[in-house]
């Protein structure tokens, strides 16, 4: 018998990239030079490599969530790259603190990257979970994207056995 252990590292990435355009296009981590538009040329979006030899510690208030442990209505879809869980009432699942610039964020969706999008010291984790949140002052994710009101919480998952 063996035991599975999940080692979870949490990073927060603030994004103003138009996530709706990139979701439907074809892309691959092995073909970065052919990524569309800002995904290839931008300077303030994913993917990032965290170089632990140069990071600086910074302390933030605790990351707080409300209703993350409750049952919620959602749709589940597969866009060819990932499974996407989109919540039907995002205003019921909220987060704040942890360095987030707005007072309250709403959880729009959760999706997965098999082979992490982000790396640590060039190491790509087997799984990365993205919780896509948007500033509660906007009525929906699209409006928040247009106003740079999106925060993506990335959870890097390592399986050790």
Protein backbone atom coordinates (compact mmCIF):
# COMPACT_ATOMS: atom_id res chain seq x y z
CA UNK A 1 0.00 0.00 0.00
CA UNK A 2 1.23 3.50 -0.76
CA UNK A 3 0.05 6.91 0.34
CA UNK A 4 -0.55 9.88 -1.95
CA UNK A 5 0.48 13.25 -0.58
CA UNK A 6 -0.38 16.52 -2.23
CA UNK A 7 2.10 19.33 -1.72
CA UNK A 8 0.33 22.56 -2.56
CA UNK A 9 2.15 25.82 -3.20
CA UNK A 10 0.02 28.91 -3.64
CA UNK A 11 0.84 31.83 -5.89
CA UNK A 12 -1.35 34.77 -6.76
CA UNK A 13 -1.21 36.18 -10.26
CA UNK A 14 -3.07 39.35 -11.14
CA UNK A 15 -4.12 39.39 -14.75
CA UNK A 16 -5.61 41.90 -17.14
CA UNK A 17 -5.29 39.58 -20.14
CA UNK A 18 -8.49 38.89 -22.05
CA UNK A 19 -9.04 35.35 -20.81
CA UNK A 20 -12.07 34.86 -23.04
CA UNK A 21 -10.03 35.21 -26.27
CA UNK A 22 -7.33 32.73 -25.28
CA UNK A 23 -9.70 30.00 -24.08
CA UNK A 24 -11.04 29.04 -27.49
CA UNK A 25 -7.82 29.22 -29.48
CA UNK A 26 -5.36 26.38 -29.99
CA UNK A 27 -2.17 26.62 -27.97
CA UNK A 28 0.43 24.42 -26.30
CA UNK A 29 3.21 24.91 -23.76
CA UNK A 30 5.51 23.26 -26.29
CA UNK A 31 4.68 25.90 -28.93
CA UNK A 32 4.94 29.23 -27.04
CA UNK A 33 6.20 31.16 -30.10
CA UNK A 34 2.78 30.61 -31.73
CA UNK A 35 0.67 31.86 -28.85
CA UNK A 36 -1.86 34.55 -29.87
CA UNK A 37 -1.34 38.30 -29.30
CA UNK A 38 -0.70 39.48 -25.77
CA UNK A 39 -0.17 35.92 -24.51
CA UNK A 40 3.12 36.02 -26.42
CA UNK A 41 4.15 39.69 -26.27
CA UNK A 42 2.73 40.95 -22.96
CA UNK A 43 4.88 41.59 -19.91
CA UNK A 44 2.36 41.33 -17.03
CA UNK A 45 0.56 38.02 -17.46
CA UNK A 46 1.02 34.28 -17.40
CA UNK A 47 3.04 32.20 -17.59
CA UNK A 48 5.71 33.22 -15.11
CA UNK A 49 8.73 31.41 -13.74
CA UNK A 50 9.29 32.05 -10.05
CA UNK A 51 13.03 32.20 -9.42
CA UNK A 52 13.40 31.48 -5.70
CA UNK A 53 16.94 32.89 -5.63
CA UNK A 54 15.64 36.43 -6.22
CA UNK A 55 12.19 36.52 -4.60
CA UNK A 56 11.59 38.96 -1.77
CA UNK A 57 9.30 38.08 1.11
CA UNK A 58 6.34 40.33 1.60
CA UNK A 59 3.67 39.95 4.24
CA UNK A 60 -0.02 40.43 3.47
CA UNK A 61 -3.18 40.15 5.51
CA UNK A 62 -4.59 36.62 5.61
CA UNK A 63 -6.42 35.46 2.48
CA UNK A 64 -10.05 35.06 3.51
CA UNK A 65 -12.87 33.24 1.76
CA UNK A 66 -16.59 33.00 2.33
CA UNK A 67 -18.75 30.05 1.25
CA UNK A 68 -15.86 28.10 -0.31
CA UNK A 69 -17.04 25.13 1.77
CA UNK A 70 -20.69 25.22 0.64
CA UNK A 71 -22.53 23.47 -2.18
CA UNK A 72 -22.93 25.69 -5.24
CA UNK A 73 -24.67 25.36 -8.61
CA UNK A 74 -22.24 25.24 -11.51
CA UNK A 75 -21.80 24.11 -15.09
CA UNK A 76 -18.93 21.85 -16.06
CA UNK A 77 -17.42 21.96 -19.53
CA UNK A 78 -14.40 20.79 -21.50
CA UNK A 79 -12.88 23.25 -24.01
CA UNK A 80 -10.26 20.83 -25.33
CA UNK A 81 -7.55 22.13 -22.98
CA UNK A 82 -9.14 21.86 -19.57
CA UNK A 83 -12.17 21.09 -17.50
CA UNK A 84 -13.87 24.33 -16.51
CA UNK A 85 -16.28 24.67 -13.58
CA UNK A 86 -18.28 27.91 -13.89
CA UNK A 87 -20.39 28.98 -10.93
CA UNK A 88 -23.96 30.09 -11.64
CA UNK A 89 -24.09 32.49 -8.65
CA UNK A 90 -20.54 33.84 -8.29
CA UNK A 91 -21.62 36.49 -5.78
CA UNK A 92 -22.09 33.77 -3.14
CA UNK A 93 -18.42 32.68 -3.09
CA UNK A 94 -16.19 35.60 -2.15
CA UNK A 95 -12.59 36.31 -1.17
CA UNK A 96 -10.54 39.21 0.14
CA UNK A 97 -7.18 39.96 1.75
CA UNK A 98 -3.97 38.15 0.87
CA UNK A 99 -2.70 41.07 -1.19
CA UNK A 100 -5.79 41.39 -3.39
CA UNK A 101 -6.17 45.07 -4.32
CA UNK A 102 -10.00 45.26 -4.20
CA UNK A 103 -12.11 44.85 -1.08
CA UNK A 104 -14.07 41.82 -2.32
CA UNK A 105 -13.73 39.32 -5.15
CA UNK A 106 -16.25 36.80 -6.47
CA UNK A 107 -15.31 33.31 -7.68
CA UNK A 108 -16.32 32.96 -11.33
CA UNK A 109 -14.72 29.65 -12.26
CA UNK A 110 -12.16 27.00 -11.50
CA UNK A 111 -10.10 25.32 -14.20
CA UNK A 112 -7.09 23.03 -14.34
CA UNK A 113 -3.78 22.87 -16.15
CA UNK A 114 -2.32 19.39 -16.47
CA UNK A 115 1.33 20.44 -16.43
CA UNK A 116 1.38 23.71 -14.59
CA UNK A 117 1.20 27.00 -16.43
CA UNK A 118 3.63 28.62 -14.02
CA UNK A 119 6.99 27.21 -12.99
CA UNK A 120 9.27 27.47 -9.97
CA UNK A 121 12.96 27.50 -10.88
CA UNK A 122 11.92 26.21 -14.33
CA UNK A 123 10.16 23.20 -12.75
CA UNK A 124 6.69 22.54 -14.16
CA UNK A 125 4.33 20.91 -11.64
CA UNK A 126 2.04 18.07 -12.76
CA UNK A 127 -1.12 20.08 -11.99
CA UNK A 128 -2.11 23.70 -11.46
CA UNK A 129 -5.56 24.72 -10.30
CA UNK A 130 -6.79 28.23 -11.18
CA UNK A 131 -9.48 29.96 -9.19
CA UNK A 132 -10.61 32.89 -11.35
CA UNK A 133 -11.96 35.72 -9.20
CA UNK A 134 -13.20 39.14 -10.20
CA UNK A 135 -13.69 42.42 -8.37
CA UNK A 136 -17.22 42.47 -6.92
CA UNK A 137 -17.81 46.04 -8.14
CA UNK A 138 -18.27 44.61 -11.68
CA UNK A 139 -21.41 42.68 -12.74
CA UNK A 140 -19.51 39.82 -14.45
CA UNK A 141 -16.10 38.48 -15.44
CA UNK A 142 -16.10 40.12 -18.90
CA UNK A 143 -16.68 43.57 -17.42
CA UNK A 144 -13.97 42.95 -14.82
CA UNK A 145 -11.50 41.84 -17.53
CA UNK A 146 -12.16 45.08 -19.44
CA UNK A 147 -11.31 47.04 -16.27
CA UNK A 148 -8.33 45.02 -15.00
CA UNK A 149 -10.44 43.66 -12.14
CA UNK A 150 -9.45 39.99 -12.35
CA UNK A 151 -7.31 37.99 -9.93
CA UNK A 152 -6.30 34.40 -10.57
CA UNK A 153 -5.25 32.30 -7.60
CA UNK A 154 -2.95 29.55 -8.87
CA UNK A 155 -2.46 26.44 -6.77
CA UNK A 156 0.55 24.34 -7.79
CA UNK A 157 0.07 20.67 -6.98
CA UNK A 158 2.84 18.11 -6.56
CA UNK A 159 2.04 14.45 -6.01
CA UNK A 160 4.50 12.60 -3.79
CA UNK A 161 4.25 8.88 -3.18
